[in-house]
Protein backbone atom coordinates (compact mmCIF):
# COMPACT_ATOMS: atom_id res chain seq x y z
CA ASP A 1 -42.03 -30.66 116.91
CA ASP A 2 -39.76 -29.14 114.32
CA LEU A 3 -36.02 -29.20 114.82
CA ARG A 4 -34.57 -25.96 116.17
CA VAL A 5 -30.94 -24.88 115.91
CA LEU A 6 -29.40 -21.90 117.71
CA LEU A 7 -26.29 -20.48 116.09
CA ALA A 8 -25.16 -17.97 118.67
CA PRO A 9 -22.90 -15.38 117.05
CA VAL A 10 -19.42 -16.45 118.06
CA ASP A 11 -17.96 -12.94 118.33
CA ASP A 12 -21.09 -10.89 119.00
CA ALA A 13 -20.12 -8.88 122.07
CA GLY A 14 -23.75 -8.18 122.96
CA LEU A 15 -24.80 -11.82 123.00
CA ALA A 16 -21.56 -13.01 124.53
CA ALA A 17 -21.96 -10.47 127.32
CA SER A 18 -25.61 -11.33 127.96
CA PRO A 19 -26.82 -14.71 126.64
CA ARG A 20 -29.46 -14.62 129.36
CA ASP A 21 -31.43 -12.32 127.05
CA ILE A 22 -32.22 -15.29 124.82
CA ARG A 23 -35.43 -16.75 126.18
CA PRO A 24 -35.45 -20.47 125.44
CA THR A 25 -38.79 -22.01 124.66
CA GLY A 26 -37.65 -25.60 124.87
CA THR A 27 -35.00 -27.98 123.67
CA VAL A 28 -32.82 -27.09 120.70
CA GLY A 29 -31.40 -29.76 118.44
CA ALA A 30 -28.03 -28.07 118.07
CA LEU A 31 -26.38 -25.11 119.75
CA LEU A 32 -23.25 -23.29 118.57
CA LEU A 33 -21.75 -21.84 121.73
CA PRO A 34 -20.52 -18.26 121.63
CA ARG A 35 -16.90 -17.31 122.40
CA SER A 36 -15.46 -20.81 122.01
CA GLY A 37 -17.26 -22.12 125.09
CA ASP A 38 -16.09 -19.44 127.51
CA ALA A 39 -17.95 -19.85 130.82
CA ASP A 40 -18.85 -16.15 131.10
CA ALA A 41 -20.61 -16.29 127.72
CA ASN A 42 -22.32 -19.62 128.42
CA PRO A 43 -23.89 -19.63 131.89
CA GLU A 44 -24.97 -22.99 133.24
CA ALA A 45 -28.62 -21.95 133.64
CA TRP A 46 -28.76 -20.83 129.99
CA LEU A 47 -27.26 -24.10 128.72
CA ARG A 48 -29.57 -26.20 130.89
CA ALA A 49 -32.62 -24.22 129.75
CA LEU A 50 -31.76 -24.85 126.08
CA GLN A 51 -31.06 -28.58 126.62
CA PRO A 52 -29.24 -29.04 123.30
CA TRP A 53 -29.02 -32.51 121.80
CA VAL A 54 -25.60 -31.54 120.45
CA ALA A 55 -23.38 -28.63 121.47
CA LEU A 56 -20.91 -27.28 118.93
CA ILE A 57 -17.77 -25.45 120.03
CA SER A 58 -15.56 -23.70 117.51
CA VAL A 59 -12.11 -23.53 119.06
CA GLU A 60 -8.64 -23.60 117.53
CA ALA A 61 -6.39 -26.56 118.21
CA GLY A 62 -3.81 -25.87 120.91
CA ASN A 63 -5.53 -22.68 122.08
CA ARG A 64 -3.75 -21.13 125.02
CA GLY A 65 -6.84 -19.63 126.59
CA GLY A 66 -8.03 -22.90 128.10
CA LEU A 67 -11.18 -22.95 125.99
CA PRO A 68 -13.69 -24.35 126.20
CA SER A 69 -13.95 -23.61 129.91
CA PRO A 70 -14.13 -26.63 132.22
CA GLU A 71 -17.25 -25.05 133.77
CA THR A 72 -18.95 -24.95 130.37
CA LEU A 73 -18.09 -28.58 129.67
CA ALA A 74 -19.41 -29.58 133.10
CA SER A 75 -22.67 -27.73 132.36
CA LEU A 76 -23.00 -29.79 129.18
CA SER A 77 -22.69 -33.11 130.99
CA GLY A 78 -24.97 -35.63 129.28
CA THR A 79 -24.96 -33.63 126.03
CA THR A 80 -23.02 -34.65 122.93
CA VAL A 81 -20.25 -32.06 122.59
CA LEU A 82 -18.39 -31.65 119.31
CA ARG A 83 -15.35 -29.39 119.11
CA THR A 84 -13.47 -28.25 116.04
CA ASP A 85 -10.12 -28.66 117.83
CA LEU A 86 -10.86 -32.35 118.42
CA ASN A 87 -13.34 -33.26 115.66
CA GLY A 88 -12.19 -31.03 112.78
CA TRP A 89 -15.08 -29.96 110.56
CA ILE A 90 -18.61 -30.68 111.73
CA GLU A 91 -21.50 -31.08 109.30
CA LEU A 92 -25.15 -31.01 110.37
CA THR A 93 -27.92 -32.22 108.07
CA SER A 94 -31.61 -32.13 108.85
CA ASP A 95 -34.98 -32.83 107.27
CA GLY A 96 -36.59 -30.44 109.76
CA LYS A 97 -37.39 -33.21 112.22
CA GLN A 98 -34.24 -35.31 112.57
CA LEU A 99 -30.61 -34.28 112.82
CA TRP A 100 -27.64 -36.11 111.34
CA VAL A 101 -24.09 -35.23 112.31
CA GLU A 102 -20.84 -36.02 110.51
CA VAL A 103 -17.36 -35.06 111.71
CA GLU A 104 -13.94 -35.06 110.08
CA ARG A 105 -12.45 -37.19 112.84
CA THR A 106 -13.29 -38.91 116.10
CA PRO A 107 -10.70 -38.28 118.81
CA ARG A 108 -9.00 -41.23 120.42
CA ARG A 109 -9.84 -41.76 124.06
């Protein structure tokens, strides 16, 4: 299989309002979540259907909106989750089959 990446438009109101319209056809290598991981824009069934190897969440450090939503993070249990507020920049490289990920920083636990 070839590697597939879904870059959901972060601020696309249509997608964010109805991600269920995207019909997954199997696992995606990487998924950029819309609306900074807001639960309404990232329903659990949609995330589980896509089964991403790595989930990317673009969210500002110290955001006051509580993003990403705890429900979204729970839905991604077992998935590698990378967040710009914790990891800084995130670089994905692929040869079409494999995926390599590099981040600016690894948060302390």
